[in-house]
PDB file of N, CA and C in Angstrom:
ATOM      1  N   MET A   1      96.677 120.101  76.315  1.00  0.00           N
ATOM      2  CA  MET A   1      96.351 118.821  75.717  1.00  0.00           C
ATOM      3  C   MET A   1      97.044 117.706  76.497  1.00  0.00           C
ATOM      4  N   GLU A   2      96.318 116.635  76.820  1.00  0.00           N
ATOM      5  CA  GLU A   2      96.870 115.527  77.579  1.00  0.00           C
ATOM      6  C   GLU A   2      97.723 114.634  76.695  1.00  0.00           C
ATOM      7  N   LYS A   3      98.717 114.007  77.350  1.00  0.00           N
ATOM      8  CA  LYS A   3      99.562 113.058  76.628  1.00  0.00           C
ATOM      9  C   LYS A   3      98.754 111.799  76.328  1.00  0.00           C
ATOM     10  N   PRO A   4      98.991 111.175  75.191  1.00  0.00           N
ATOM     11  CA  PRO A   4      98.287 109.928  74.901  1.00  0.00           C
ATOM     12  C   PRO A   4      98.748 108.832  75.857  1.00  0.00           C
ATOM     13  N   ILE A   5      97.824 107.956  76.218  1.00  0.00           N
ATOM     14  CA  ILE A   5      98.159 106.854  77.108  1.00  0.00           C
ATOM     15  C   ILE A   5      98.954 105.822  76.319  1.00  0.00           C
ATOM     16  N   THR A   6     100.100 105.460  76.862  1.00  0.00           N
ATOM     17  CA  THR A   6     100.941 104.449  76.211  1.00  0.00           C
ATOM     18  C   THR A   6     101.145 103.303  77.188  1.00  0.00           C
ATOM     19  N   ASN A   7     101.631 102.210  76.707  1.00  0.00           N
ATOM     20  CA  ASN A   7     101.944 101.067  77.551  1.00  0.00           C
ATOM     21  C   ASN A   7     103.460 100.978  77.711  1.00  0.00           C
ATOM     22  N   PRO A   8     104.018 101.753  78.647  1.00  0.00           N
ATOM     23  CA  PRO A   8     105.468 101.716  78.823  1.00  0.00           C
ATOM     24  C   PRO A   8     105.900 100.397  79.458  1.00  0.00           C
ATOM     25  N   LYS A   9     107.141 100.066  79.268  1.00  0.00           N
ATOM     26  CA  LYS A   9     107.715  98.863  79.855  1.00  0.00           C
ATOM     27  C   LYS A   9     108.564  99.271  81.050  1.00  0.00           C
ATOM     28  N   ILE A  10     108.663  98.380  82.017  1.00  0.00           N
ATOM     29  CA  ILE A  10     109.529  98.622  83.167  1.00  0.00           C
ATOM     30  C   ILE A  10     110.962  98.647  82.653  1.00  0.00           C
ATOM     31  N   PRO A  11     111.733  99.696  82.984  1.00  0.00           N
ATOM     32  CA  PRO A  11     113.104  99.771  82.477  1.00  0.00           C
ATOM     33  C   PRO A  11     113.971  98.634  83.007  1.00  0.00           C
ATOM     34  N   LYS A  12     114.828  98.144  82.171  1.00  0.00           N
ATOM     35  CA  LYS A  12     115.783  97.107  82.565  1.00  0.00           C
ATOM     36  C   LYS A  12     117.120  97.803  82.785  1.00  0.00           C
ATOM     37  N   THR A  13     117.274  98.368  83.978  1.00  0.00           N
ATOM     38  CA  THR A  13     118.470  99.127  84.315  1.00  0.00           C
ATOM     39  C   THR A  13     118.797  98.943  85.781  1.00  0.00           C
ATOM     40  N   ASP A  14     120.053  99.137  86.123  1.00  0.00           N
ATOM     41  CA  ASP A  14     120.489  99.115  87.518  1.00  0.00           C
ATOM     42  C   ASP A  14     120.602 100.530  88.074  1.00  0.00           C
ATOM     43  N   SER A  15     120.278 101.517  87.260  1.00  0.00           N
ATOM     44  CA  SER A  15     120.396 102.904  87.684  1.00  0.00           C
ATOM     45  C   SER A  15     119.266 103.266  88.642  1.00  0.00           C
ATOM     46  N   ILE A  16     119.616 103.556  89.874  1.00  0.00           N
ATOM     47  CA  ILE A  16     118.616 103.939  90.861  1.00  0.00           C
ATOM     48  C   ILE A  16     117.923 105.226  90.429  1.00  0.00           C
ATOM     49  N   ALA A  17     118.670 106.156  89.870  1.00  0.00           N
ATOM     50  CA  ALA A  17     118.089 107.423  89.426  1.00  0.00           C
ATOM     51  C   ALA A  17     117.047 107.202  88.338  1.00  0.00           C
ATOM     52  N   GLU A  18     117.367 106.375  87.364  1.00  0.00           N
ATOM     53  CA  GLU A  18     116.414 106.089  86.279  1.00  0.00           C
ATOM     54  C   GLU A  18     115.165 105.388  86.799  1.00  0.00           C
ATOM     55  N   LEU A  19     115.360 104.415  87.682  1.00  0.00           N
ATOM     56  CA  LEU A  19     114.218 103.698  88.242  1.00  0.00           C
ATOM     57  C   LEU A  19     113.351 104.616  89.095  1.00  0.00           C
ATOM     58  N   ALA A  20     113.989 105.465  89.900  1.00  0.00           N
ATOM     59  CA  ALA A  20     113.234 106.397  90.736  1.00  0.00           C
ATOM     60  C   ALA A  20     112.392 107.333  89.879  1.00  0.00           C
ATOM     61  N   GLU A  21     112.984 107.845  88.810  1.00  0.00           N
ATOM     62  CA  GLU A  21     112.249 108.735  87.908  1.00  0.00           C
ATOM     63  C   GLU A  21     111.068 108.002  87.272  1.00  0.00           C
ATOM     64  N   PHE A  22     111.303 106.770  86.836  1.00  0.00           N
ATOM     65  CA  PHE A  22     110.249 105.981  86.210  1.00  0.00           C
ATOM     66  C   PHE A  22     109.081 105.766  87.176  1.00  0.00           C
ATOM     67  N   TRP A  23     109.396 105.347  88.428  1.00  0.00           N
ATOM     68  CA  TRP A  23     108.327 105.034  89.378  1.00  0.00           C
ATOM     69  C   TRP A  23     107.653 106.274  89.939  1.00  0.00           C
ATOM     70  N   GLN A  24     108.271 107.444  89.784  1.00  0.00           N
ATOM     71  CA  GLN A  24     107.600 108.690  90.156  1.00  0.00           C
ATOM     72  C   GLN A  24     106.445 108.972  89.198  1.00  0.00           C
ATOM     73  N   GLU A  25     106.563 108.469  87.983  1.00  0.00           N
ATOM     74  CA  GLU A  25     105.581 108.760  86.943  1.00  0.00           C
ATOM     75  C   GLU A  25     104.630 107.595  86.648  1.00  0.00           C
ATOM     76  N   HIS A  26     104.860 106.437  87.267  1.00  0.00           N
ATOM     77  CA  HIS A  26     104.049 105.257  86.971  1.00  0.00           C
ATOM     78  C   HIS A  26     103.556 104.591  88.245  1.00  0.00           C
ATOM     79  N   ASP A  27     102.551 103.758  88.101  1.00  0.00           N
ATOM     80  CA  ASP A  27     101.968 103.041  89.228  1.00  0.00           C
ATOM     81  C   ASP A  27     102.201 101.543  89.039  1.00  0.00           C
ATOM     82  N   LEU A  28     102.586 100.873  90.123  1.00  0.00           N
ATOM     83  CA  LEU A  28     102.901  99.443  90.062  1.00  0.00           C
ATOM     84  C   LEU A  28     101.726  98.613  89.547  1.00  0.00           C
ATOM     85  N   THR A  29     100.525  99.027  89.873  1.00  0.00           N
ATOM     86  CA  THR A  29      99.359  98.247  89.447  1.00  0.00           C
ATOM     87  C   THR A  29      99.187  98.226  87.928  1.00  0.00           C
ATOM     88  N   ASP A  30      99.821  99.173  87.241  1.00  0.00           N
ATOM     89  CA  ASP A  30      99.754  99.187  85.776  1.00  0.00           C
ATOM     90  C   ASP A  30     100.618  98.094  85.145  1.00  0.00           C
ATOM     91  N   PHE A  31     101.438  97.436  85.955  1.00  0.00           N
ATOM     92  CA  PHE A  31     102.399  96.457  85.432  1.00  0.00           C
ATOM     93  C   PHE A  31     102.212  95.073  86.059  1.00  0.00           C
ATOM     94  N   GLU A  32     101.049  94.802  86.628  1.00  0.00           N
ATOM     95  CA  GLU A  32     100.821  93.534  87.313  1.00  0.00           C
ATOM     96  C   GLU A  32     101.083  92.336  86.416  1.00  0.00           C
ATOM     97  N   ASP A  33     100.799  92.457  85.125  1.00  0.00           N
ATOM     98  CA  ASP A  33     101.016  91.337  84.206  1.00  0.00           C
ATOM     99  C   ASP A  33     102.497  91.084  83.935  1.00  0.00           C
ATOM    100  N   GLU A  34     103.374  92.044  84.255  1.00  0.00           N
ATOM    101  CA  GLU A  34     104.811  91.890  84.023  1.00  0.00           C
ATOM    102  C   GLU A  34     105.577  91.458  85.278  1.00  0.00           C
ATOM    103  N   LEU A  35     104.914  91.467  86.425  1.00  0.00           N
ATOM    104  CA  LEU A  35     105.599  91.176  87.684  1.00  0.00           C
ATOM    105  C   LEU A  35     105.720  89.682  87.906  1.00  0.00           C
ATOM    106  N   GLU A  36     106.799  89.302  88.584  1.00  0.00           N
ATOM    107  CA  GLU A  36     106.984  87.908  88.953  1.00  0.00           C
ATOM    108  C   GLU A  36     107.563  87.861  90.359  1.00  0.00           C
ATOM    109  N   GLU A  37     107.192  86.842  91.101  1.00  0.00           N
ATOM    110  CA  GLU A  37     107.676  86.701  92.466  1.00  0.00           C
ATOM    111  C   GLU A  37     109.130  86.238  92.452  1.00  0.00           C
ATOM    112  N   VAL A  38     109.931  86.842  93.305  1.00  0.00           N
ATOM    113  CA  VAL A  38     111.339  86.490  93.420  1.00  0.00           C
ATOM    114  C   VAL A  38     111.529  85.797  94.758  1.00  0.00           C
ATOM    115  N   THR A  39     112.084  84.592  94.728  1.00  0.00           N
ATOM    116  CA  THR A  39     112.253  83.840  95.973  1.00  0.00           C
ATOM    117  C   THR A  39     113.660  83.936  96.545  1.00  0.00           C
ATOM    118  N   GLU A  40     114.648  84.226  95.721  1.00  0.00           N
ATOM    119  CA  GLU A  40     116.014  84.330  96.228  1.00  0.00           C
ATOM    120  C   GLU A  40     116.272  85.751  96.754  1.00  0.00           C
ATOM    121  N   THR A  41     117.315  85.873  97.552  1.00  0.00           N
ATOM    122  CA  THR A  41     117.685  87.161  98.130  1.00  0.00           C
ATOM    123  C   THR A  41     118.140  88.114  97.034  1.00  0.00           C
ATOM    124  N   VAL A  42     117.601  89.316  97.042  1.00  0.00           N
ATOM    125  CA  VAL A  42     117.974  90.309  96.052  1.00  0.00           C
ATOM    126  C   VAL A  42     118.981  91.287  96.654  1.00  0.00           C
ATOM    127  N   PHE A  43     118.679  91.771  97.834  1.00  0.00           N
ATOM    128  CA  PHE A  43     119.576  92.694  98.526  1.00  0.00           C
ATOM    129  C   PHE A  43     119.979  92.063  99.846  1.00  0.00           C
ATOM    130  N   GLU A  44     121.272  91.940 100.051  1.00  0.00           N
ATOM    131  CA  GLU A  44     121.754  91.365 101.288  1.00  0.00           C
ATOM    132  C   GLU A  44     122.137  92.488 102.236  1.00  0.00           C
ATOM    133  N   ARG A  45     121.592  92.442 103.424  1.00  0.00           N
ATOM    134  CA  ARG A  45     121.896  93.475 104.408  1.00  0.00           C
ATOM    135  C   ARG A  45     123.271  93.223 105.014  1.00  0.00           C
ATOM    136  N   THR A  46     123.941  94.313 105.362  1.00  0.00           N
ATOM    137  CA  THR A  46     125.217  94.181 106.047  1.00  0.00           C
ATOM    138  C   THR A  46     124.963  94.172 107.545  1.00  0.00           C
ATOM    139  N   ALA A  47     125.821  93.511 108.260  1.00  0.00           N
ATOM    140  CA  ALA A  47     125.710  93.478 109.716  1.00  0.00           C
ATOM    141  C   ALA A  47     126.221  94.795 110.290  1.00  0.00           C
ATOM    142  N   VAL A  48     125.630  95.204 111.370  1.00  0.00           N
ATOM    143  CA  VAL A  48     126.038  96.430 112.049  1.00  0.00           C
ATOM    144  C   VAL A  48     126.581  96.048 113.407  1.00  0.00           C
ATOM    145  N   MET A  49     127.703  96.672 113.788  1.00  0.00           N
ATOM    146  CA  MET A  49     128.343  96.362 115.052  1.00  0.00           C
ATOM    147  C   MET A  49     128.531  97.651 115.840  1.00  0.00           C
ATOM    148  N   THR A  50     128.321  97.573 117.135  1.00  0.00           N
ATOM    149  CA  THR A  50     128.551  98.715 118.011  1.00  0.00           C
ATOM    150  C   THR A  50     129.848  98.484 118.765  1.00  0.00           C
ATOM    151  N   ILE A  51     130.721  99.492 118.741  1.00  0.00           N
ATOM    152  CA  ILE A  51     132.004  99.390 119.428  1.00  0.00           C
ATOM    153  C   ILE A  51     132.088 100.536 120.434  1.00  0.00           C
ATOM    154  N   PRO A  52     132.176 100.218 121.725  1.00  0.00           N
ATOM    155  CA  PRO A  52     132.259 101.290 122.719  1.00  0.00           C
ATOM    156  C   PRO A  52     133.631 101.967 122.671  1.00  0.00           C
ATOM    157  N   LEU A  53     133.606 103.297 122.576  1.00  0.00           N
ATOM    158  CA  LEU A  53     134.845 104.079 122.549  1.00  0.00           C
ATOM    159  C   LEU A  53     134.696 105.277 123.478  1.00  0.00           C
ATOM    160  N   ALA A  54     135.808 105.718 124.007  1.00  0.00           N
ATOM    161  CA  ALA A  54     135.815 106.907 124.849  1.00  0.00           C
ATOM    162  C   ALA A  54     135.663 108.143 123.960  1.00  0.00           C
ATOM    163  N   PRO A  55     135.059 109.205 124.487  1.00  0.00           N
ATOM    164  CA  PRO A  55     134.885 110.425 123.690  1.00  0.00           C
ATOM    165  C   PRO A  55     136.183 110.958 123.090  1.00  0.00           C
ATOM    166  N   GLN A  56     137.266 110.873 123.834  1.00  0.00           N
ATOM    167  CA  GLN A  56     138.548 111.372 123.307  1.00  0.00           C
ATOM    168  C   GLN A  56     139.061 110.513 122.149  1.00  0.00           C
ATOM    169  N   GLU A  57     138.755 109.204 122.175  1.00  0.00           N
ATOM    170  CA  GLU A  57     139.140 108.330 121.070  1.00  0.00           C
ATOM    171  C   GLU A  57     138.354 108.699 119.809  1.00  0.00           C
ATOM    172  N   ILE A  58     137.081 108.961 119.974  1.00  0.00           N
ATOM    173  CA  ILE A  58     136.248 109.362 118.841  1.00  0.00           C
ATOM    174  C   ILE A  58     136.723 110.699 118.289  1.00  0.00           C
ATOM    175  N   ALA A  59     137.062 111.623 119.175  1.00  0.00           N
ATOM    176  CA  ALA A  59     137.539 112.950 118.750  1.00  0.00           C
ATOM    177  C   ALA A  59     138.813 112.827 117.924  1.00  0.00           C
ATOM    178  N   ILE A  60     139.722 111.976 118.349  1.00  0.00           N
ATOM    179  CA  ILE A  60     140.982 111.766 117.612  1.00  0.00           C
ATOM    180  C   ILE A  60     140.693 111.186 116.226  1.00  0.00           C
ATOM    181  N   MET A  61     139.812 110.187 116.178  1.00  0.00           N
ATOM    182  CA  MET A  61     139.484 109.577 114.889  1.00  0.00           C
ATOM    183  C   MET A  61     138.774 110.568 113.973  1.00  0.00           C
ATOM    184  N   GLU A  62     137.926 111.420 114.521  1.00  0.00           N
ATOM    185  CA  GLU A  62     137.249 112.438 113.714  1.00  0.00           C
ATOM    186  C   GLU A  62     138.260 113.411 113.109  1.00  0.00           C
ATOM    187  N   LYS A  63     139.294 113.780 113.870  1.00  0.00           N
ATOM    188  CA  LYS A  63     140.344 114.670 113.348  1.00  0.00           C
ATOM    189  C   LYS A  63     141.109 113.992 112.212  1.00  0.00           C
ATOM    190  N   ILE A  64     141.416 112.704 112.389  1.00  0.00           N
ATOM    191  CA  ILE A  64     142.133 111.960 111.356  1.00  0.00           C
ATOM    192  C   ILE A  64     141.284 111.873 110.089  1.00  0.00           C
ATOM    193  N   ALA A  65     139.999 111.547 110.257  1.00  0.00           N
ATOM    194  CA  ALA A  65     139.095 111.429 109.105  1.00  0.00           C
ATOM    195  C   ALA A  65     138.992 112.761 108.370  1.00  0.00           C
ATOM    196  N   LYS A  66     138.863 113.850 109.131  1.00  0.00           N
ATOM    197  CA  LYS A  66     138.771 115.176 108.511  1.00  0.00           C
ATOM    198  C   LYS A  66     140.046 115.509 107.754  1.00  0.00           C
ATOM    199  N   ALA A  67     141.202 115.189 108.343  1.00  0.00           N
ATOM    200  CA  ALA A  67     142.492 115.466 107.693  1.00  0.00           C
ATOM    201  C   ALA A  67     142.640 114.664 106.397  1.00  0.00           C
ATOM    202  N   GLN A  68     142.067 113.472 106.375  1.00  0.00           N
ATOM    203  CA  GLN A  68     142.157 112.625 105.184  1.00  0.00           C
ATOM    204  C   GLN A  68     141.018 112.884 104.208  1.00  0.00           C
ATOM    205  N   GLY A  69     140.065 113.720 104.617  1.00  0.00           N
ATOM    206  CA  GLY A  69     138.945 114.047 103.743  1.00  0.00           C
ATOM    207  C   GLY A  69     137.980 112.899 103.522  1.00  0.00           C
ATOM    208  N   VAL A  70     137.820 112.060 104.543  1.00  0.00           N
ATOM    209  CA  VAL A  70     136.902 110.932 104.445  1.00  0.00           C
ATOM    210  C   VAL A  70     135.907 110.964 105.596  1.00  0.00           C
ATOM    211  N   ASP A  71     134.822 110.235 105.429  1.00  0.00           N
ATOM    212  CA  ASP A  71     133.829 110.091 106.475  1.00  0.00           C
ATOM    213  C   ASP A  71     134.404 109.220 107.590  1.00  0.00           C
ATOM    214  N   LEU A  72     134.029 109.500 108.834  1.00  0.00           N
ATOM    215  CA  LEU A  72     134.542 108.740 109.973  1.00  0.00           C
ATOM    216  C   LEU A  72     134.263 107.244 109.827  1.00  0.00           C
ATOM    217  N   VAL A  73     133.063 106.884 109.425  1.00  0.00           N
ATOM    218  CA  VAL A  73     132.711 105.468 109.271  1.00  0.00           C
ATOM    219  C   VAL A  73     133.581 104.815 108.200  1.00  0.00           C
ATOM    220  N   ASP A  74     133.823 105.526 107.101  1.00  0.00           N
ATOM    221  CA  ASP A  74     134.679 104.976 106.040  1.00  0.00           C
ATOM    222  C   ASP A  74     136.103 104.785 106.533  1.00  0.00           C
ATOM    223  N   LEU A  75     136.598 105.706 107.340  1.00  0.00           N
ATOM    224  CA  LEU A  75     137.951 105.584 107.902  1.00  0.00           C
ATOM    225  C   LEU A  75     138.051 104.334 108.767  1.00  0.00           C
ATOM    226  N   ILE A  76     137.113 104.185 109.678  1.00  0.00           N
ATOM    227  CA  ILE A  76     137.143 103.038 110.597  1.00  0.00           C
ATOM    228  C   ILE A  76     136.992 101.732 109.830  1.00  0.00           C
ATOM    229  N   ARG A  77     136.075 101.699 108.877  1.00  0.00           N
ATOM    230  CA  ARG A  77     135.877 100.475 108.081  1.00  0.00           C
ATOM    231  C   ARG A  77     137.156 100.137 107.311  1.00  0.00           C
ATOM    232  N   GLY A  78     137.807 101.149 106.766  1.00  0.00           N
ATOM    233  CA  GLY A  78     139.064 100.930 106.053  1.00  0.00           C
ATOM    234  C   GLY A  78     140.135 100.338 106.952  1.00  0.00           C
ATOM    235  N   TRP A  79     140.244 100.874 108.158  1.00  0.00           N
ATOM    236  CA  TRP A  79     141.210 100.335 109.117  1.00  0.00           C
ATOM    237  C   TRP A  79     140.911  98.867 109.423  1.00  0.00           C
ATOM    238  N   LEU A  80     139.657  98.549 109.650  1.00  0.00           N
ATOM    239  CA  LEU A  80     139.288  97.165 109.953  1.00  0.00           C
ATOM    240  C   LEU A  80     139.594  96.229 108.793  1.00  0.00           C
ATOM    241  N   LEU A  81     139.265  96.660 107.592  1.00  0.00           N
ATOM    242  CA  LEU A  81     139.551  95.830 106.419  1.00  0.00           C
ATOM    243  C   LEU A  81     141.041  95.615 106.223  1.00  0.00           C
ATOM    244  N   GLU A  82     141.849  96.643 106.492  1.00  0.00           N
ATOM    245  CA  GLU A  82     143.307  96.499 106.424  1.00  0.00           C
ATOM    246  C   GLU A  82     143.801  95.424 107.398  1.00  0.00           C
ATOM    247  N   LYS A  83     143.281  95.444 108.608  1.00  0.00           N
ATOM    248  CA  LYS A  83     143.684  94.460 109.623  1.00  0.00           C
ATOM    249  C   LYS A  83     143.237  93.052 109.216  1.00  0.00           C
ATOM    250  N   ILE A  84     142.044  92.950 108.684  1.00  0.00           N
ATOM    251  CA  ILE A  84     141.536  91.647 108.253  1.00  0.00           C
ATOM    252  C   ILE A  84     142.396  91.080 107.133  1.00  0.00           C
ATOM    253  N   GLN A  85     142.741  91.919 106.156  1.00  0.00           N
ATOM    254  CA  GLN A  85     143.545  91.471 105.028  1.00  0.00           C
ATOM    255  C   GLN A  85     144.960  91.095 105.449  1.00  0.00           C
ATOM    256  N   ALA A  86     145.475  91.752 106.500  1.00  0.00           N
ATOM    257  CA  ALA A  86     146.828  91.481 106.967  1.00  0.00           C
ATOM    258  C   ALA A  86     146.891  90.208 107.818  1.00  0.00           C
ATOM    259  N   ALA A  87     145.746  89.759 108.305  1.00  0.00           N
ATOM    260  CA  ALA A  87     145.721  88.580 109.188  1.00  0.00           C
ATOM    261  C   ALA A  87     145.925  87.289 108.427  1.00  0.00           C
TER     262      ALA A  87
END
């Protein structure tokens, strides 16, 4: 037996998991009357920077990150933020 058709509302949540589950089961065109155009920035992208390092420098940092149980990028970002805050 098929489920009865209902008029669900778009969830008002910040939970990515809840929203993903909702949109897996629904189609955007079913909610055209509820949509509104947003002109301001919703998600701000972070800048990405490339820093040239020697292979041995990367190897040392990878060992430090592993010893601390953190991702290499998180380790480096933490170091940079520490220096910025100390300046």
